[in-house]
Amino acid sequence: MKNWILLNNQLTIHYFCNQEMVTSIRDSLTTMTINTNAGNTSTNLQATLPGLGDVWFDNKGMVNVLSLALIEDKYQITYDS
């Protein structure tokens, strides 16, 4: 799953774990704690996703996820629900 990017309609952040998909991995001044069905994890790293901007980064994660809400803020999305 580290080679996939999922689009999630419940997530409020962009979260990546594959360092080959992002650039400029760097320390953040804040820490993001993510609560999932697999437990809680925290990261203080951010990275840049080319073409989109800043994302939270944790190389111990299991999946790369984009927030539908944040994508809708930047781009027009059309989908059939």
C-alpha atoms as a PDB file:
ATOM      1  CA  MET A   1       0.000   0.000   0.000  1.00  0.00           C
ATOM      2  CA  LYS A   2       3.009   2.323   0.282  1.00  0.00           C
ATOM      3  CA  ASN A   3       2.948   2.704  -3.510  1.00  0.00           C
ATOM      4  CA  TRP A   4      -0.716   3.781  -3.640  1.00  0.00           C
ATOM      5  CA  ILE A   5      -2.336   7.134  -2.937  1.00  0.00           C
ATOM      6  CA  LEU A   6      -5.811   6.886  -1.417  1.00  0.00           C
ATOM      7  CA  LEU A   7      -8.404   9.662  -1.498  1.00  0.00           C
ATOM      8  CA  ASN A   8     -10.290   9.762   1.812  1.00  0.00           C
ATOM      9  CA  ASN A   9     -13.503  11.684   2.521  1.00  0.00           C
ATOM     10  CA  GLN A  10     -13.100  11.516   6.329  1.00  0.00           C
ATOM     11  CA  LEU A  11      -9.496  12.658   6.725  1.00  0.00           C
ATOM     12  CA  THR A  12      -8.693  16.318   7.414  1.00  0.00           C
ATOM     13  CA  ILE A  13      -4.973  16.150   6.542  1.00  0.00           C
ATOM     14  CA  HIS A  14      -2.751  14.798   3.768  1.00  0.00           C
ATOM     15  CA  TYR A  15      -0.547  11.983   5.135  1.00  0.00           C
ATOM     16  CA  PHE A  16       2.311  10.245   3.297  1.00  0.00           C
ATOM     17  CA  CYS A  17       4.721   7.463   4.180  1.00  0.00           C
ATOM     18  CA  ASN A  18       6.514   6.844   0.870  1.00  0.00           C
ATOM     19  CA  GLN A  19       9.547   9.127   0.672  1.00  0.00           C
ATOM     20  CA  GLU A  20       9.855   8.480  -3.074  1.00  0.00           C
ATOM     21  CA  MET A  21       6.561  10.334  -3.658  1.00  0.00           C
ATOM     22  CA  VAL A  22       7.519  13.515  -1.802  1.00  0.00           C
ATOM     23  CA  THR A  23      10.352  16.018  -1.660  1.00  0.00           C
ATOM     24  CA  SER A  24      11.802  18.298   1.005  1.00  0.00           C
ATOM     25  CA  ILE A  25      11.142  16.175   4.079  1.00  0.00           C
ATOM     26  CA  ARG A  26      11.678  18.482   7.048  1.00  0.00           C
ATOM     27  CA  ASP A  27      10.928  19.014  10.726  1.00  0.00           C
ATOM     28  CA  SER A  28       7.711  20.813  11.600  1.00  0.00           C
ATOM     29  CA  LEU A  29       7.215  23.248  14.464  1.00  0.00           C
ATOM     30  CA  THR A  30       4.117  21.253  15.476  1.00  0.00           C
ATOM     31  CA  THR A  31       3.292  17.584  15.940  1.00  0.00           C
ATOM     32  CA  MET A  32       0.366  15.843  14.243  1.00  0.00           C
ATOM     33  CA  THR A  33      -1.247  12.924  16.074  1.00  0.00           C
ATOM     34  CA  ILE A  34      -3.347  10.660  13.890  1.00  0.00           C
ATOM     35  CA  ASN A  35      -5.996   8.404  15.416  1.00  0.00           C
ATOM     36  CA  THR A  36      -6.771   5.337  13.278  1.00  0.00           C
ATOM     37  CA  ASN A  37      -8.346   1.921  13.686  1.00  0.00           C
ATOM     38  CA  ALA A  38      -4.779   0.592  13.958  1.00  0.00           C
ATOM     39  CA  GLY A  39      -4.016   2.921  16.879  1.00  0.00           C
ATOM     40  CA  ASN A  40      -2.482   6.356  17.322  1.00  0.00           C
ATOM     41  CA  THR A  41       0.685   7.655  15.721  1.00  0.00           C
ATOM     42  CA  SER A  42       2.426  11.018  15.832  1.00  0.00           C
ATOM     43  CA  THR A  43       4.788  12.780  13.470  1.00  0.00           C
ATOM     44  CA  ASN A  44       6.608  16.081  13.478  1.00  0.00           C
ATOM     45  CA  LEU A  45       7.722  15.784   9.853  1.00  0.00           C
ATOM     46  CA  GLN A  46       6.276  17.495   6.814  1.00  0.00           C
ATOM     47  CA  ALA A  47       7.127  17.113   3.149  1.00  0.00           C
ATOM     48  CA  THR A  48       6.145  18.590  -0.197  1.00  0.00           C
ATOM     49  CA  LEU A  49       4.000  16.618  -2.625  1.00  0.00           C
ATOM     50  CA  PRO A  50       4.855  17.967  -6.092  1.00  0.00           C
ATOM     51  CA  GLY A  51       1.858  19.677  -7.671  1.00  0.00           C
ATOM     52  CA  LEU A  52      -0.073  19.859  -4.412  1.00  0.00           C
ATOM     53  CA  GLY A  53       1.978  21.307  -1.566  1.00  0.00           C
ATOM     54  CA  ASP A  54       2.673  20.387   2.049  1.00  0.00           C
ATOM     55  CA  VAL A  55       1.740  17.006   3.515  1.00  0.00           C
ATOM     56  CA  TRP A  56       2.430  15.309   6.834  1.00  0.00           C
ATOM     57  CA  PHE A  57       5.082  12.589   6.559  1.00  0.00           C
ATOM     58  CA  ASP A  58       5.833   9.451   8.575  1.00  0.00           C
ATOM     59  CA  ASN A  59       7.973   6.704   7.027  1.00  0.00           C
ATOM     60  CA  LYS A  60       6.565   4.237   9.583  1.00  0.00           C
ATOM     61  CA  GLY A  61       3.075   4.683   8.129  1.00  0.00           C
ATOM     62  CA  MET A  62       1.275   2.118   6.016  1.00  0.00           C
ATOM     63  CA  VAL A  63      -0.537   4.228   3.419  1.00  0.00           C
ATOM     64  CA  ASN A  64      -0.427   7.533   1.550  1.00  0.00           C
ATOM     65  CA  VAL A  65      -3.695   9.453   1.882  1.00  0.00           C
ATOM     66  CA  LEU A  66      -5.072  12.671   0.441  1.00  0.00           C
ATOM     67  CA  SER A  67      -7.928  14.486   2.150  1.00  0.00           C
ATOM     68  CA  LEU A  68     -10.879  14.967  -0.211  1.00  0.00           C
ATOM     69  CA  ALA A  69     -11.864  18.148   1.657  1.00  0.00           C
ATOM     70  CA  LEU A  70      -8.416  19.699   1.198  1.00  0.00           C
ATOM     71  CA  ILE A  71      -8.315  18.686  -2.473  1.00  0.00           C
ATOM     72  CA  GLU A  72     -11.758  20.281  -2.983  1.00  0.00           C
ATOM     73  CA  ASP A  73     -10.404  23.510  -1.486  1.00  0.00           C
ATOM     74  CA  LYS A  74      -7.777  23.637  -4.226  1.00  0.00           C
ATOM     75  CA  TYR A  75      -9.384  21.943  -7.245  1.00  0.00           C
ATOM     76  CA  GLN A  76     -12.836  21.345  -8.672  1.00  0.00           C
ATOM     77  CA  ILE A  77     -13.742  17.677  -8.274  1.00  0.00           C
ATOM     78  CA  THR A  78     -16.500  15.842 -10.098  1.00  0.00           C
ATOM     79  CA  TYR A  79     -17.471  12.373  -8.968  1.00  0.00           C
ATOM     80  CA  ASP A  80     -20.438  10.029  -9.017  1.00  0.00           C
ATOM     81  CA  SER A  81     -21.452   9.006  -5.515  1.00  0.00           C
END
